[in-house]
Amino acid sequence: MKLVIAVVQDQDASPLMDALVDRGFRATKLATTGGFLRQGNTTLLIGVEDEQVDDVVDVVRSVCRSRTQLIPPIPAVGRSVESYVGQPVEVPVGGATIFVLDVSRFERV
């Protein structure tokens, strides 16, 4: 058995949950926060048999898309505020980060 952990952007979470349920997969949804942009995202915990891992990854890959987003500039440490003229920066966001872990024991009670 495997535990698939998928960290996805919030706007992809509901369509992903729908797609997983349509394919017969159960998932636990957790609200999480990313470290880079410090914005909300969603982490899904999906327990599957070994042979189902590729199917789950395919579903995640088909739903979660990378996109770009403008973020406000972050002033450099040590520079004066007067000399700082920042422009928003476009960064890639979205897609998914997927971890697959071995499960040594699983019980549903």
N, C-alpha and C. Protein backbone atom coordinates (compact mmCIF):
# COMPACT_ATOMS: atom_id res chain seq x y z
N MET A 1 0.85 -1.17 0.00
CA MET A 1 0.00 0.00 0.00
C MET A 1 0.89 1.23 0.00
N LYS A 2 0.38 2.31 -0.61
CA LYS A 2 1.11 3.58 -0.72
C LYS A 2 0.23 4.71 -0.22
N LEU A 3 0.89 5.76 0.24
CA LEU A 3 0.23 7.02 0.58
C LEU A 3 0.72 8.05 -0.41
N VAL A 4 -0.21 8.58 -1.20
CA VAL A 4 0.12 9.64 -2.14
C VAL A 4 -0.26 10.96 -1.48
N ILE A 5 0.71 11.86 -1.37
CA ILE A 5 0.49 13.19 -0.81
C ILE A 5 0.61 14.17 -1.97
N ALA A 6 -0.46 14.87 -2.26
CA ALA A 6 -0.46 15.84 -3.36
C ALA A 6 -0.72 17.23 -2.80
N VAL A 7 0.22 18.14 -3.00
CA VAL A 7 0.07 19.53 -2.58
C VAL A 7 -0.30 20.31 -3.83
N VAL A 8 -1.50 20.92 -3.81
CA VAL A 8 -2.03 21.59 -5.00
C VAL A 8 -2.51 22.99 -4.64
N GLN A 9 -2.66 23.82 -5.66
CA GLN A 9 -3.18 25.16 -5.44
C GLN A 9 -4.67 25.07 -5.08
N ASP A 10 -5.13 25.96 -4.22
CA ASP A 10 -6.51 25.91 -3.74
C ASP A 10 -7.53 25.83 -4.88
N GLN A 11 -7.33 26.56 -5.95
CA GLN A 11 -8.32 26.57 -7.02
C GLN A 11 -8.39 25.25 -7.78
N ASP A 12 -7.39 24.40 -7.63
CA ASP A 12 -7.42 23.07 -8.26
C ASP A 12 -7.97 22.00 -7.34
N ALA A 13 -8.13 22.30 -6.06
CA ALA A 13 -8.49 21.28 -5.07
C ALA A 13 -9.86 20.66 -5.31
N SER A 14 -10.88 21.47 -5.50
CA SER A 14 -12.23 20.92 -5.69
C SER A 14 -12.36 20.10 -6.97
N PRO A 15 -11.88 20.62 -8.12
CA PRO A 15 -11.95 19.78 -9.32
C PRO A 15 -11.14 18.48 -9.18
N LEU A 16 -10.02 18.55 -8.45
CA LEU A 16 -9.22 17.34 -8.25
C LEU A 16 -9.96 16.34 -7.38
N MET A 17 -10.56 16.80 -6.29
CA MET A 17 -11.34 15.91 -5.43
C MET A 17 -12.46 15.25 -6.23
N ASP A 18 -13.16 16.03 -7.06
CA ASP A 18 -14.23 15.47 -7.89
C ASP A 18 -13.70 14.40 -8.83
N ALA A 19 -12.57 14.68 -9.47
CA ALA A 19 -11.98 13.72 -10.41
C ALA A 19 -11.54 12.45 -9.69
N LEU A 20 -10.96 12.58 -8.51
CA LEU A 20 -10.53 11.40 -7.74
C LEU A 20 -11.73 10.55 -7.34
N VAL A 21 -12.78 11.19 -6.83
CA VAL A 21 -13.97 10.45 -6.41
C VAL A 21 -14.63 9.76 -7.61
N ASP A 22 -14.67 10.45 -8.75
CA ASP A 22 -15.22 9.85 -9.97
C ASP A 22 -14.47 8.58 -10.37
N ARG A 23 -13.18 8.53 -10.07
CA ARG A 23 -12.36 7.36 -10.40
C ARG A 23 -12.32 6.33 -9.26
N GLY A 24 -13.05 6.61 -8.18
CA GLY A 24 -13.15 5.65 -7.09
C GLY A 24 -12.08 5.77 -6.02
N PHE A 25 -11.35 6.88 -5.99
CA PHE A 25 -10.32 7.08 -4.98
C PHE A 25 -10.86 7.94 -3.84
N ARG A 26 -10.48 7.60 -2.62
CA ARG A 26 -10.84 8.40 -1.45
C ARG A 26 -9.65 9.28 -1.11
N ALA A 27 -9.94 10.47 -0.60
CA ALA A 27 -8.86 11.39 -0.23
C ALA A 27 -9.27 12.19 0.99
N THR A 28 -8.27 12.55 1.77
CA THR A 28 -8.47 13.46 2.90
C THR A 28 -7.86 14.79 2.50
N LYS A 29 -8.64 15.85 2.66
CA LYS A 29 -8.24 17.19 2.23
C LYS A 29 -7.83 18.02 3.44
N LEU A 30 -6.62 18.60 3.37
CA LEU A 30 -6.11 19.45 4.44
C LEU A 30 -5.81 20.84 3.90
N ALA A 31 -6.22 21.86 4.63
CA ALA A 31 -5.86 23.24 4.26
C ALA A 31 -4.44 23.49 4.76
N THR A 32 -3.56 23.91 3.86
CA THR A 32 -2.16 24.15 4.21
C THR A 32 -1.71 25.49 3.64
N THR A 33 -0.52 25.91 4.01
CA THR A 33 0.04 27.16 3.53
C THR A 33 1.43 26.92 2.98
N GLY A 34 1.68 27.46 1.80
CA GLY A 34 3.00 27.30 1.17
C GLY A 34 4.03 28.21 1.81
N GLY A 35 5.28 27.83 1.74
CA GLY A 35 6.35 28.60 2.36
C GLY A 35 6.87 29.72 1.49
N PHE A 36 6.85 29.57 0.17
CA PHE A 36 7.43 30.58 -0.72
C PHE A 36 6.53 31.80 -0.84
N LEU A 37 5.29 31.61 -1.30
CA LEU A 37 4.37 32.74 -1.46
C LEU A 37 3.54 33.00 -0.21
N ARG A 38 3.62 32.09 0.75
CA ARG A 38 2.85 32.20 2.00
C ARG A 38 1.36 32.36 1.72
N GLN A 39 0.89 31.59 0.75
CA GLN A 39 -0.53 31.60 0.40
C GLN A 39 -1.10 30.22 0.64
N GLY A 40 -2.42 30.19 0.74
CA GLY A 40 -3.10 28.92 1.00
C GLY A 40 -2.95 27.96 -0.16
N ASN A 41 -2.83 26.69 0.19
CA ASN A 41 -2.90 25.62 -0.79
C ASN A 41 -3.62 24.46 -0.11
N THR A 42 -3.73 23.37 -0.81
CA THR A 42 -4.43 22.21 -0.28
C THR A 42 -3.54 20.99 -0.39
N THR A 43 -3.51 20.20 0.66
CA THR A 43 -2.77 18.95 0.65
C THR A 43 -3.77 17.81 0.73
N LEU A 44 -3.67 16.88 -0.23
CA LEU A 44 -4.55 15.72 -0.26
C LEU A 44 -3.76 14.48 0.13
N LEU A 45 -4.33 13.68 1.02
CA LEU A 45 -3.75 12.40 1.43
C LEU A 45 -4.60 11.31 0.79
N ILE A 46 -3.97 10.47 -0.03
CA ILE A 46 -4.70 9.47 -0.80
C ILE A 46 -4.03 8.11 -0.59
N GLY A 47 -4.72 7.20 0.07
CA GLY A 47 -4.18 5.87 0.28
C GLY A 47 -4.64 4.95 -0.84
N VAL A 48 -3.67 4.28 -1.50
CA VAL A 48 -4.00 3.40 -2.63
C VAL A 48 -3.10 2.16 -2.62
N GLU A 49 -3.53 1.16 -3.36
CA GLU A 49 -2.69 -0.01 -3.57
C GLU A 49 -1.55 0.38 -4.50
N ASP A 50 -0.46 -0.37 -4.44
CA ASP A 50 0.73 -0.05 -5.22
C ASP A 50 0.43 0.14 -6.70
N GLU A 51 -0.40 -0.72 -7.26
CA GLU A 51 -0.67 -0.66 -8.70
C GLU A 51 -1.58 0.51 -9.09
N GLN A 52 -2.14 1.24 -8.13
CA GLN A 52 -3.01 2.37 -8.42
C GLN A 52 -2.29 3.72 -8.39
N VAL A 53 -1.03 3.73 -7.98
CA VAL A 53 -0.29 4.99 -7.83
C VAL A 53 -0.24 5.76 -9.14
N ASP A 54 0.10 5.10 -10.23
CA ASP A 54 0.19 5.79 -11.52
C ASP A 54 -1.15 6.38 -11.94
N ASP A 55 -2.25 5.68 -11.63
CA ASP A 55 -3.58 6.21 -11.96
C ASP A 55 -3.88 7.49 -11.19
N VAL A 56 -3.53 7.50 -9.90
CA VAL A 56 -3.75 8.70 -9.09
C VAL A 56 -2.90 9.85 -9.61
N VAL A 57 -1.63 9.58 -9.90
CA VAL A 57 -0.74 10.63 -10.41
C VAL A 57 -1.27 11.17 -11.74
N ASP A 58 -1.80 10.29 -12.59
CA ASP A 58 -2.38 10.74 -13.86
C ASP A 58 -3.56 11.67 -13.65
N VAL A 59 -4.41 11.36 -12.67
CA VAL A 59 -5.56 12.22 -12.36
C VAL A 59 -5.07 13.58 -11.89
N VAL A 60 -4.11 13.59 -10.99
CA VAL A 60 -3.56 14.87 -10.49
C VAL A 60 -2.97 15.66 -11.64
N ARG A 61 -2.20 15.00 -12.48
CA ARG A 61 -1.55 15.65 -13.61
C ARG A 61 -2.59 16.23 -14.59
N SER A 62 -3.71 15.56 -14.76
CA SER A 62 -4.72 16.03 -15.72
C SER A 62 -5.53 17.22 -15.21
N VAL A 63 -5.61 17.37 -13.89
CA VAL A 63 -6.43 18.44 -13.31
C VAL A 63 -5.61 19.68 -12.93
N CYS A 64 -4.46 19.48 -12.33
CA CYS A 64 -3.67 20.57 -11.76
C CYS A 64 -2.77 21.18 -12.83
N ARG A 65 -2.96 22.46 -13.07
CA ARG A 65 -2.22 23.16 -14.11
C ARG A 65 -1.33 24.23 -13.49
N SER A 66 -0.18 24.41 -14.11
CA SER A 66 0.70 25.49 -13.72
C SER A 66 0.21 26.78 -14.37
N ARG A 67 0.34 27.87 -13.67
CA ARG A 67 -0.08 29.19 -14.18
C ARG A 67 0.87 30.23 -13.62
N THR A 68 0.75 31.45 -14.04
CA THR A 68 1.60 32.50 -13.48
C THR A 68 0.75 33.45 -12.65
N GLN A 69 1.41 34.13 -11.72
CA GLN A 69 0.73 35.05 -10.82
C GLN A 69 1.68 36.21 -10.51
N LEU A 70 1.13 37.41 -10.44
CA LEU A 70 1.92 38.57 -10.05
C LEU A 70 1.97 38.64 -8.53
N ILE A 71 3.18 38.79 -7.99
CA ILE A 71 3.32 38.96 -6.55
C ILE A 71 3.97 40.31 -6.29
N PRO A 72 3.62 40.94 -5.19
CA PRO A 72 4.23 42.23 -4.88
C PRO A 72 5.72 42.06 -4.60
N PRO A 73 6.50 43.07 -4.89
CA PRO A 73 7.95 42.97 -4.65
C PRO A 73 8.25 42.91 -3.16
N ILE A 74 9.33 42.24 -2.84
CA ILE A 74 9.78 42.14 -1.46
C ILE A 74 11.06 42.95 -1.33
N PRO A 75 11.09 43.98 -0.48
CA PRO A 75 12.29 44.81 -0.37
C PRO A 75 13.48 44.00 0.14
N ALA A 76 14.65 44.34 -0.41
CA ALA A 76 15.88 43.67 0.02
C ALA A 76 16.26 44.16 1.41
N VAL A 77 16.75 43.26 2.22
CA VAL A 77 17.17 43.60 3.58
C VAL A 77 18.39 44.50 3.50
N GLY A 78 18.38 45.57 4.29
CA GLY A 78 19.53 46.46 4.36
C GLY A 78 19.45 47.65 3.43
N ARG A 79 18.48 47.69 2.54
CA ARG A 79 18.34 48.84 1.64
C ARG A 79 17.34 49.82 2.22
N SER A 80 17.57 51.09 1.93
CA SER A 80 16.64 52.10 2.44
C SER A 80 15.33 52.05 1.65
N VAL A 81 14.26 52.40 2.31
CA VAL A 81 12.95 52.40 1.68
C VAL A 81 12.90 53.43 0.56
N GLU A 82 13.59 54.56 0.71
CA GLU A 82 13.58 55.61 -0.30
C GLU A 82 14.18 55.14 -1.63
N SER A 83 15.18 54.28 -1.57
CA SER A 83 15.83 53.83 -2.79
C SER A 83 15.13 52.63 -3.42
N TYR A 84 14.10 52.15 -2.76
CA TYR A 84 13.41 50.95 -3.24
C TYR A 84 12.27 51.33 -4.18
N VAL A 85 12.38 50.91 -5.42
CA VAL A 85 11.29 51.07 -6.38
C VAL A 85 11.05 49.68 -6.96
N GLY A 86 10.01 49.05 -6.49
CA GLY A 86 9.78 47.67 -6.90
C GLY A 86 8.59 47.54 -7.84
N GLN A 87 8.67 46.57 -8.66
CA GLN A 87 7.59 46.22 -9.56
C GLN A 87 7.11 44.82 -9.19
N PRO A 88 5.83 44.56 -9.39
CA PRO A 88 5.36 43.18 -9.16
C PRO A 88 6.13 42.21 -10.06
N VAL A 89 6.31 41.03 -9.57
CA VAL A 89 7.07 40.01 -10.28
C VAL A 89 6.13 38.86 -10.64
N GLU A 90 6.24 38.39 -11.88
CA GLU A 90 5.42 37.27 -12.30
C GLU A 90 6.15 35.96 -11.99
N VAL A 91 5.49 35.07 -11.23
CA VAL A 91 6.10 33.81 -10.85
C VAL A 91 5.17 32.65 -11.24
N PRO A 92 5.75 31.48 -11.53
CA PRO A 92 4.91 30.33 -11.81
C PRO A 92 4.32 29.77 -10.51
N VAL A 93 3.04 29.45 -10.53
CA VAL A 93 2.36 28.83 -9.40
C VAL A 93 1.50 27.69 -9.92
N GLY A 94 0.99 26.90 -9.02
CA GLY A 94 0.08 25.84 -9.42
C GLY A 94 0.80 24.56 -9.74
N GLY A 95 0.13 23.75 -10.54
CA GLY A 95 0.65 22.41 -10.75
C GLY A 95 0.44 21.62 -9.48
N ALA A 96 1.31 20.69 -9.22
CA ALA A 96 1.19 19.87 -8.01
C ALA A 96 2.57 19.37 -7.61
N THR A 97 2.73 19.19 -6.32
CA THR A 97 3.90 18.51 -5.79
C THR A 97 3.38 17.21 -5.20
N ILE A 98 3.94 16.09 -5.67
CA ILE A 98 3.43 14.77 -5.30
C ILE A 98 4.52 13.96 -4.60
N PHE A 99 4.15 13.40 -3.46
CA PHE A 99 5.03 12.48 -2.72
C PHE A 99 4.34 11.12 -2.68
N VAL A 100 5.09 10.06 -2.84
CA VAL A 100 4.55 8.71 -2.72
C VAL A 100 5.35 7.99 -1.64
N LEU A 101 4.66 7.56 -0.58
CA LEU A 101 5.31 6.92 0.56
C LEU A 101 4.80 5.50 0.75
N ASP A 102 5.67 4.62 1.20
CA ASP A 102 5.26 3.28 1.57
C ASP A 102 4.44 3.34 2.86
N VAL A 103 3.42 2.50 2.94
CA VAL A 103 2.60 2.40 4.15
C VAL A 103 2.84 1.02 4.74
N SER A 104 3.34 0.97 5.96
CA SER A 104 3.62 -0.33 6.57
C SER A 104 2.37 -0.94 7.21
N ARG A 105 1.40 -0.09 7.56
CA ARG A 105 0.17 -0.61 8.18
C ARG A 105 -0.96 0.35 7.89
N PHE A 106 -2.12 -0.22 7.59
CA PHE A 106 -3.32 0.57 7.31
C PHE A 106 -4.50 -0.11 7.97
N GLU A 107 -5.30 0.66 8.70
CA GLU A 107 -6.52 0.13 9.32
C GLU A 107 -7.62 1.15 9.16
N ARG A 108 -8.80 0.68 8.86
CA ARG A 108 -9.99 1.54 8.85
C ARG A 108 -10.88 1.04 9.98
N VAL A 109 -11.11 1.91 10.99
CA VAL A 109 -11.90 1.50 12.15
C VAL A 109 -13.17 2.29 12.24
